[in-house]
Amino acid sequence: MSVQVKRRLFTVSEYYKMSEAGILPERGVELINGGIINISPIGNRHAVMVNKLNWLFNKILGEGLFVQVQNTIMVNDLSEPEPDLTFVHFWPDYYADRLPSGKDLALVIEVADTTFAYNTKIKARLTCSSSCT
C-alpha cells in the first residue's frame, strides 16, 4: 500500500503573516515555490565575492540602475527569493512601498559554491520565468 503525502504550499501573504506572528526567523529563510527554505549561512568566501561584485557594479552602472544586496524580490504569489545581487531600475522612493518585480529587474545574481545545483536548477528558473520575457 502506498501512502500519498500532500505538500502544503504557502503564499507570500501567508508567509508574511507567519513572519509577523514570530513563527519564522527574521533572516535565514526564503519562500520558494510555496515552500519555506532554509538559506545557507553566509561564509567568508561568499561575503567577500558579494562585496567585490557590489563594489565593481556600483562603479560601472549608470544612473538608471542600482544594486540591491541580499534583498527580497517579488517573483510570484508563491516565491520571494533573496538573491545576492539584483540590478533594479531606479525608482524615486527606492521601492519603499513595494518589492521590485518583473520589469523592475535588470539582472539577478546568486553567488554560489555549496548551493550551485540548487541555484541553477531551482532559483534560476524561478527568477527567469518572471522577468526574462
N, C-alpha and C. Protein backbone atom coordinates (compact mmCIF):
# COMPACT_ATOMS: atom_id res chain seq x y z
N MET A 1 0.84 -1.18 0.00
CA MET A 1 0.00 0.00 0.00
C MET A 1 0.89 1.24 0.00
N SER A 2 0.63 2.12 -0.94
CA SER A 2 1.42 3.35 -0.99
C SER A 2 0.69 4.47 -0.27
N VAL A 3 1.48 5.31 0.34
CA VAL A 3 0.93 6.45 1.07
C VAL A 3 1.26 7.71 0.27
N GLN A 4 0.26 8.52 0.04
CA GLN A 4 0.46 9.76 -0.67
C GLN A 4 0.57 10.90 0.33
N VAL A 5 1.62 11.67 0.21
CA VAL A 5 1.83 12.81 1.09
C VAL A 5 1.49 14.07 0.29
N LYS A 6 0.64 14.88 0.84
CA LYS A 6 0.26 16.12 0.17
C LYS A 6 1.04 17.27 0.79
N ARG A 7 1.72 18.00 -0.03
CA ARG A 7 2.54 19.13 0.42
C ARG A 7 1.69 20.39 0.48
N ARG A 8 1.80 21.13 1.56
CA ARG A 8 1.07 22.38 1.75
C ARG A 8 1.93 23.53 1.26
N LEU A 9 1.47 24.24 0.24
CA LEU A 9 2.19 25.39 -0.28
C LEU A 9 1.70 26.65 0.39
N PHE A 10 2.62 27.55 0.68
CA PHE A 10 2.29 28.82 1.31
C PHE A 10 2.36 29.94 0.28
N THR A 11 1.47 30.90 0.41
CA THR A 11 1.51 32.09 -0.44
C THR A 11 2.39 33.14 0.22
N VAL A 12 2.74 34.15 -0.53
CA VAL A 12 3.51 35.27 0.00
C VAL A 12 2.77 35.90 1.18
N SER A 13 1.47 36.07 1.05
CA SER A 13 0.67 36.67 2.12
C SER A 13 0.74 35.84 3.40
N GLU A 14 0.61 34.53 3.27
CA GLU A 14 0.70 33.65 4.45
C GLU A 14 2.10 33.68 5.05
N TYR A 15 3.10 33.73 4.19
CA TYR A 15 4.49 33.80 4.62
C TYR A 15 4.72 35.05 5.48
N TYR A 16 4.18 36.20 5.04
CA TYR A 16 4.31 37.43 5.81
C TYR A 16 3.56 37.34 7.14
N LYS A 17 2.41 36.74 7.14
CA LYS A 17 1.65 36.58 8.38
C LYS A 17 2.41 35.73 9.38
N MET A 18 3.06 34.66 8.90
CA MET A 18 3.86 33.81 9.79
C MET A 18 5.05 34.60 10.35
N SER A 19 5.65 35.41 9.51
CA SER A 19 6.77 36.23 9.96
C SER A 19 6.33 37.23 11.01
N GLU A 20 5.21 37.91 10.75
CA GLU A 20 4.68 38.90 11.70
C GLU A 20 4.30 38.26 13.03
N ALA A 21 3.85 37.01 12.99
CA ALA A 21 3.47 36.30 14.21
C ALA A 21 4.68 35.75 14.97
N GLY A 22 5.87 35.88 14.38
CA GLY A 22 7.08 35.40 15.04
C GLY A 22 7.35 33.92 14.83
N ILE A 23 6.65 33.30 13.91
CA ILE A 23 6.85 31.88 13.63
C ILE A 23 8.14 31.65 12.85
N LEU A 24 8.48 32.60 12.00
CA LEU A 24 9.67 32.49 11.17
C LEU A 24 10.78 33.38 11.72
N PRO A 25 12.03 32.96 11.53
CA PRO A 25 13.13 33.84 11.93
C PRO A 25 13.20 35.05 11.01
N GLU A 26 13.80 36.12 11.50
CA GLU A 26 13.91 37.34 10.69
C GLU A 26 14.80 37.13 9.48
N ARG A 27 15.82 36.32 9.59
CA ARG A 27 16.73 36.01 8.47
C ARG A 27 16.92 34.50 8.41
N GLY A 28 17.38 34.04 7.26
CA GLY A 28 17.76 32.65 7.12
C GLY A 28 16.75 31.75 6.43
N VAL A 29 15.62 32.32 6.00
CA VAL A 29 14.64 31.55 5.23
C VAL A 29 14.14 32.40 4.07
N GLU A 30 13.66 31.73 3.05
CA GLU A 30 13.00 32.42 1.94
C GLU A 30 11.90 31.53 1.40
N LEU A 31 10.93 32.14 0.75
CA LEU A 31 9.80 31.42 0.18
C LEU A 31 10.10 31.11 -1.28
N ILE A 32 10.17 29.82 -1.61
CA ILE A 32 10.47 29.38 -2.97
C ILE A 32 9.43 28.35 -3.39
N ASN A 33 8.70 28.65 -4.44
CA ASN A 33 7.67 27.74 -4.97
C ASN A 33 6.73 27.26 -3.88
N GLY A 34 6.36 28.14 -2.96
CA GLY A 34 5.41 27.80 -1.91
C GLY A 34 6.02 27.10 -0.71
N GLY A 35 7.30 26.80 -0.76
CA GLY A 35 7.98 26.14 0.35
C GLY A 35 8.88 27.10 1.10
N ILE A 36 8.96 26.92 2.40
CA ILE A 36 9.85 27.75 3.21
C ILE A 36 11.19 27.04 3.27
N ILE A 37 12.19 27.69 2.70
CA ILE A 37 13.50 27.08 2.51
C ILE A 37 14.52 27.75 3.41
N ASN A 38 15.33 26.94 4.10
CA ASN A 38 16.43 27.47 4.88
C ASN A 38 17.54 27.93 3.94
N ILE A 39 18.04 29.13 4.17
CA ILE A 39 19.15 29.66 3.39
C ILE A 39 20.44 29.27 4.10
N SER A 40 21.42 28.86 3.32
CA SER A 40 22.72 28.52 3.90
C SER A 40 23.34 29.75 4.55
N PRO A 41 24.02 29.57 5.67
CA PRO A 41 24.72 30.71 6.29
C PRO A 41 25.74 31.28 5.32
N ILE A 42 25.94 32.58 5.40
CA ILE A 42 26.89 33.25 4.51
C ILE A 42 28.29 33.09 5.06
N GLY A 43 29.12 32.37 4.32
CA GLY A 43 30.51 32.17 4.70
C GLY A 43 31.37 33.33 4.25
N ASN A 44 32.60 33.35 4.69
CA ASN A 44 33.51 34.44 4.37
C ASN A 44 33.77 34.55 2.87
N ARG A 45 34.05 33.43 2.19
CA ARG A 45 34.31 33.48 0.75
C ARG A 45 33.11 34.07 0.01
N HIS A 46 31.93 33.65 0.39
CA HIS A 46 30.70 34.15 -0.23
C HIS A 46 30.56 35.65 -0.01
N ALA A 47 30.73 36.09 1.23
CA ALA A 47 30.60 37.51 1.57
C ALA A 47 31.62 38.36 0.81
N VAL A 48 32.85 37.88 0.72
CA VAL A 48 33.89 38.62 0.01
C VAL A 48 33.52 38.78 -1.47
N MET A 49 33.03 37.71 -2.09
CA MET A 49 32.66 37.78 -3.51
C MET A 49 31.49 38.74 -3.72
N VAL A 50 30.49 38.69 -2.86
CA VAL A 50 29.36 39.62 -2.98
C VAL A 50 29.85 41.06 -2.82
N ASN A 51 30.73 41.29 -1.85
CA ASN A 51 31.27 42.65 -1.65
C ASN A 51 32.05 43.13 -2.87
N LYS A 52 32.88 42.26 -3.44
CA LYS A 52 33.66 42.63 -4.62
C LYS A 52 32.75 42.96 -5.79
N LEU A 53 31.76 42.10 -6.04
CA LEU A 53 30.84 42.35 -7.14
C LEU A 53 30.04 43.62 -6.93
N ASN A 54 29.58 43.85 -5.71
CA ASN A 54 28.83 45.06 -5.40
C ASN A 54 29.68 46.30 -5.68
N TRP A 55 30.91 46.30 -5.23
CA TRP A 55 31.81 47.42 -5.46
C TRP A 55 32.03 47.66 -6.95
N LEU A 56 32.31 46.57 -7.68
CA LEU A 56 32.56 46.68 -9.11
C LEU A 56 31.34 47.21 -9.86
N PHE A 57 30.19 46.62 -9.62
CA PHE A 57 28.99 47.03 -10.35
C PHE A 57 28.56 48.45 -10.01
N ASN A 58 28.71 48.86 -8.78
CA ASN A 58 28.36 50.24 -8.42
C ASN A 58 29.26 51.25 -9.11
N LYS A 59 30.50 50.85 -9.42
CA LYS A 59 31.41 51.75 -10.14
C LYS A 59 31.01 51.90 -11.59
N ILE A 60 30.43 50.85 -12.20
CA ILE A 60 30.20 50.89 -13.64
C ILE A 60 28.75 51.11 -14.05
N LEU A 61 27.81 50.96 -13.14
CA LEU A 61 26.40 51.13 -13.51
C LEU A 61 26.06 52.59 -13.76
N GLY A 62 25.20 52.79 -14.70
CA GLY A 62 24.72 54.14 -14.99
C GLY A 62 23.67 54.56 -13.99
N GLU A 63 23.10 55.72 -14.21
CA GLU A 63 22.13 56.28 -13.28
C GLU A 63 20.78 55.58 -13.29
N GLY A 64 20.48 54.82 -14.32
CA GLY A 64 19.17 54.19 -14.43
C GLY A 64 18.99 52.93 -13.61
N LEU A 65 20.10 52.37 -13.10
CA LEU A 65 20.05 51.13 -12.32
C LEU A 65 20.79 51.31 -11.01
N PHE A 66 20.39 50.51 -10.01
CA PHE A 66 21.19 50.43 -8.81
C PHE A 66 21.22 48.99 -8.32
N VAL A 67 22.15 48.68 -7.44
CA VAL A 67 22.37 47.32 -6.96
C VAL A 67 21.71 47.14 -5.60
N GLN A 68 20.89 46.11 -5.49
CA GLN A 68 20.37 45.68 -4.19
C GLN A 68 21.23 44.50 -3.74
N VAL A 69 21.60 44.47 -2.49
CA VAL A 69 22.42 43.38 -1.96
C VAL A 69 21.59 42.57 -0.97
N GLN A 70 21.39 41.30 -1.31
CA GLN A 70 20.69 40.33 -0.47
C GLN A 70 19.35 40.85 0.04
N ASN A 71 18.59 41.47 -0.87
CA ASN A 71 17.24 41.94 -0.57
C ASN A 71 16.22 41.12 -1.34
N THR A 72 15.04 41.06 -0.80
CA THR A 72 13.96 40.28 -1.37
C THR A 72 13.43 40.90 -2.65
N ILE A 73 13.07 40.03 -3.60
CA ILE A 73 12.37 40.46 -4.81
C ILE A 73 11.06 39.67 -4.90
N MET A 74 10.07 40.25 -5.56
CA MET A 74 8.78 39.58 -5.75
C MET A 74 8.81 38.87 -7.09
N VAL A 75 8.64 37.55 -7.05
CA VAL A 75 8.65 36.78 -8.28
C VAL A 75 7.23 36.39 -8.68
N ASN A 76 6.49 35.85 -7.73
CA ASN A 76 5.09 35.49 -7.96
C ASN A 76 4.44 35.31 -6.59
N ASP A 77 3.21 34.82 -6.56
CA ASP A 77 2.49 34.69 -5.29
C ASP A 77 3.02 33.58 -4.40
N LEU A 78 3.93 32.75 -4.91
CA LEU A 78 4.47 31.64 -4.13
C LEU A 78 5.97 31.76 -3.89
N SER A 79 6.60 32.84 -4.35
CA SER A 79 8.06 32.93 -4.23
C SER A 79 8.54 34.35 -4.02
N GLU A 80 9.41 34.51 -3.03
CA GLU A 80 10.12 35.76 -2.78
C GLU A 80 11.56 35.43 -2.42
N PRO A 81 12.40 35.20 -3.43
CA PRO A 81 13.80 34.88 -3.13
C PRO A 81 14.57 36.12 -2.67
N GLU A 82 15.73 35.87 -2.09
CA GLU A 82 16.65 36.93 -1.67
C GLU A 82 17.98 36.73 -2.38
N PRO A 83 18.06 37.15 -3.64
CA PRO A 83 19.31 36.97 -4.38
C PRO A 83 20.44 37.78 -3.77
N ASP A 84 21.66 37.36 -4.06
CA ASP A 84 22.82 38.08 -3.53
C ASP A 84 22.92 39.49 -4.09
N LEU A 85 22.75 39.64 -5.38
CA LEU A 85 22.80 40.95 -6.02
C LEU A 85 21.66 41.04 -7.03
N THR A 86 21.00 42.16 -7.06
CA THR A 86 19.95 42.39 -8.05
C THR A 86 20.12 43.78 -8.61
N PHE A 87 20.18 43.89 -9.93
CA PHE A 87 20.19 45.19 -10.58
C PHE A 87 18.73 45.56 -10.80
N VAL A 88 18.32 46.65 -10.20
CA VAL A 88 16.94 47.10 -10.35
C VAL A 88 16.92 48.48 -10.98
N HIS A 89 15.87 48.73 -11.74
CA HIS A 89 15.71 50.04 -12.35
C HIS A 89 15.42 51.06 -11.25
N PHE A 90 15.97 52.24 -11.43
CA PHE A 90 15.79 53.30 -10.43
C PHE A 90 14.31 53.59 -10.23
N TRP A 91 13.93 53.77 -8.98
CA TRP A 91 12.58 54.17 -8.60
C TRP A 91 12.75 55.25 -7.55
N PRO A 92 12.08 56.40 -7.68
CA PRO A 92 12.35 57.55 -6.81
C PRO A 92 12.34 57.25 -5.30
N ASP A 93 11.46 56.37 -4.84
CA ASP A 93 11.43 56.08 -3.40
C ASP A 93 12.21 54.81 -3.04
N TYR A 94 13.00 54.31 -3.99
CA TYR A 94 13.82 53.11 -3.79
C TYR A 94 12.98 51.91 -3.33
N TYR A 95 11.77 51.79 -3.88
CA TYR A 95 10.87 50.66 -3.61
C TYR A 95 10.44 50.62 -2.14
N ALA A 96 10.14 51.77 -1.59
CA ALA A 96 9.71 51.86 -0.19
C ALA A 96 8.36 51.20 0.04
N ASP A 97 7.48 51.23 -0.96
CA ASP A 97 6.13 50.71 -0.78
C ASP A 97 5.87 49.37 -1.45
N ARG A 98 6.87 48.83 -2.10
CA ARG A 98 6.69 47.54 -2.78
C ARG A 98 8.06 46.93 -3.05
N LEU A 99 8.06 45.64 -3.35
CA LEU A 99 9.30 44.97 -3.72
C LEU A 99 9.50 45.06 -5.23
N PRO A 100 10.74 45.14 -5.67
CA PRO A 100 10.98 45.09 -7.10
C PRO A 100 10.50 43.75 -7.67
N SER A 101 9.95 43.79 -8.87
CA SER A 101 9.48 42.57 -9.52
C SER A 101 9.52 42.74 -11.03
N GLY A 102 9.36 41.65 -11.74
CA GLY A 102 9.22 41.65 -13.20
C GLY A 102 10.10 42.64 -13.93
N LYS A 103 9.49 43.65 -14.51
CA LYS A 103 10.20 44.63 -15.34
C LYS A 103 11.14 45.53 -14.54
N ASP A 104 11.02 45.55 -13.20
CA ASP A 104 11.93 46.33 -12.37
C ASP A 104 13.33 45.70 -12.36
N LEU A 105 13.40 44.41 -12.63
CA LEU A 105 14.64 43.65 -12.51
C LEU A 105 15.42 43.66 -13.82
N ALA A 106 16.67 44.05 -13.77
CA ALA A 106 17.51 44.02 -14.96
C ALA A 106 18.44 42.80 -14.93
N LEU A 107 18.90 42.41 -13.74
CA LEU A 107 19.79 41.26 -13.61
C LEU A 107 19.70 40.75 -12.18
N VAL A 108 19.69 39.44 -12.03
CA VAL A 108 19.67 38.79 -10.72
C VAL A 108 20.89 37.89 -10.64
N ILE A 109 21.68 38.04 -9.57
CA ILE A 109 22.92 37.28 -9.41
C ILE A 109 22.89 36.52 -8.09
N GLU A 110 23.19 35.23 -8.17
CA GLU A 110 23.41 34.41 -6.99
C GLU A 110 24.88 34.00 -6.98
N VAL A 111 25.56 34.22 -5.89
CA VAL A 111 26.92 33.75 -5.70
C VAL A 111 26.79 32.41 -5.00
N ALA A 112 27.37 31.37 -5.60
CA ALA A 112 27.17 30.04 -5.03
C ALA A 112 28.42 29.19 -5.15
N ASP A 113 28.69 28.47 -4.10
CA ASP A 113 29.68 27.40 -4.20
C ASP A 113 29.01 26.11 -3.70
N THR A 114 28.54 26.09 -2.46
CA THR A 114 27.89 24.89 -1.94
C THR A 114 26.45 24.74 -2.42
N THR A 115 25.82 25.81 -2.89
CA THR A 115 24.41 25.76 -3.31
C THR A 115 24.27 25.91 -4.82
N PHE A 116 25.32 25.60 -5.56
CA PHE A 116 25.31 25.81 -7.01
C PHE A 116 24.17 25.06 -7.70
N ALA A 117 24.01 23.79 -7.41
CA ALA A 117 22.97 22.99 -8.08
C ALA A 117 21.58 23.55 -7.79
N TYR A 118 21.31 23.88 -6.55
CA TYR A 118 20.01 24.45 -6.18
C TYR A 118 19.76 25.78 -6.88
N ASN A 119 20.77 26.63 -6.89
CA ASN A 119 20.63 27.95 -7.51
C ASN A 119 20.43 27.85 -9.02
N THR A 120 21.09 26.91 -9.68
CA THR A 120 20.95 26.81 -11.14
C THR A 120 19.73 26.01 -11.56
N LYS A 121 19.28 25.08 -10.75
CA LYS A 121 18.13 24.26 -11.14
C LYS A 121 16.80 24.82 -10.65
N ILE A 122 16.77 25.43 -9.51
CA ILE A 122 15.52 25.91 -8.93
C ILE A 122 15.40 27.44 -9.04
N LYS A 123 16.31 28.15 -8.42
CA LYS A 123 16.18 29.60 -8.33
C LYS A 123 16.36 30.31 -9.67
N ALA A 124 17.25 29.83 -10.52
CA ALA A 124 17.44 30.48 -11.82
C ALA A 124 16.18 30.38 -12.66
N ARG A 125 15.55 29.24 -12.67
CA ARG A 125 14.30 29.08 -13.42
C ARG A 125 13.20 29.95 -12.85
N LEU A 126 13.18 30.07 -11.56
CA LEU A 126 12.16 30.84 -10.88
C LEU A 126 12.23 32.31 -11.27
N THR A 127 13.40 32.90 -11.12
CA THR A 127 13.53 34.32 -11.41
C THR A 127 13.45 34.59 -12.91
N CYS A 128 13.95 33.70 -13.71
CA CYS A 128 13.90 33.91 -15.15
C CYS A 128 12.48 33.81 -15.67
N SER A 129 11.68 32.94 -15.11
CA SER A 129 10.32 32.78 -15.61
C SER A 129 9.48 34.05 -15.41
N SER A 130 9.86 34.88 -14.43
CA SER A 130 9.07 36.08 -14.20
C SER A 130 9.62 37.31 -14.90
N SER A 131 10.90 37.31 -15.21
CA SER A 131 11.48 38.57 -15.72
C SER A 131 12.27 38.42 -17.01
N CYS A 132 12.33 37.25 -17.58
CA CYS A 132 13.15 37.07 -18.77
C CYS A 132 12.33 37.10 -20.06
N THR A 133 11.16 37.68 -19.99
CA THR A 133 10.32 37.71 -21.19
C THR A 133 10.54 38.99 -21.97
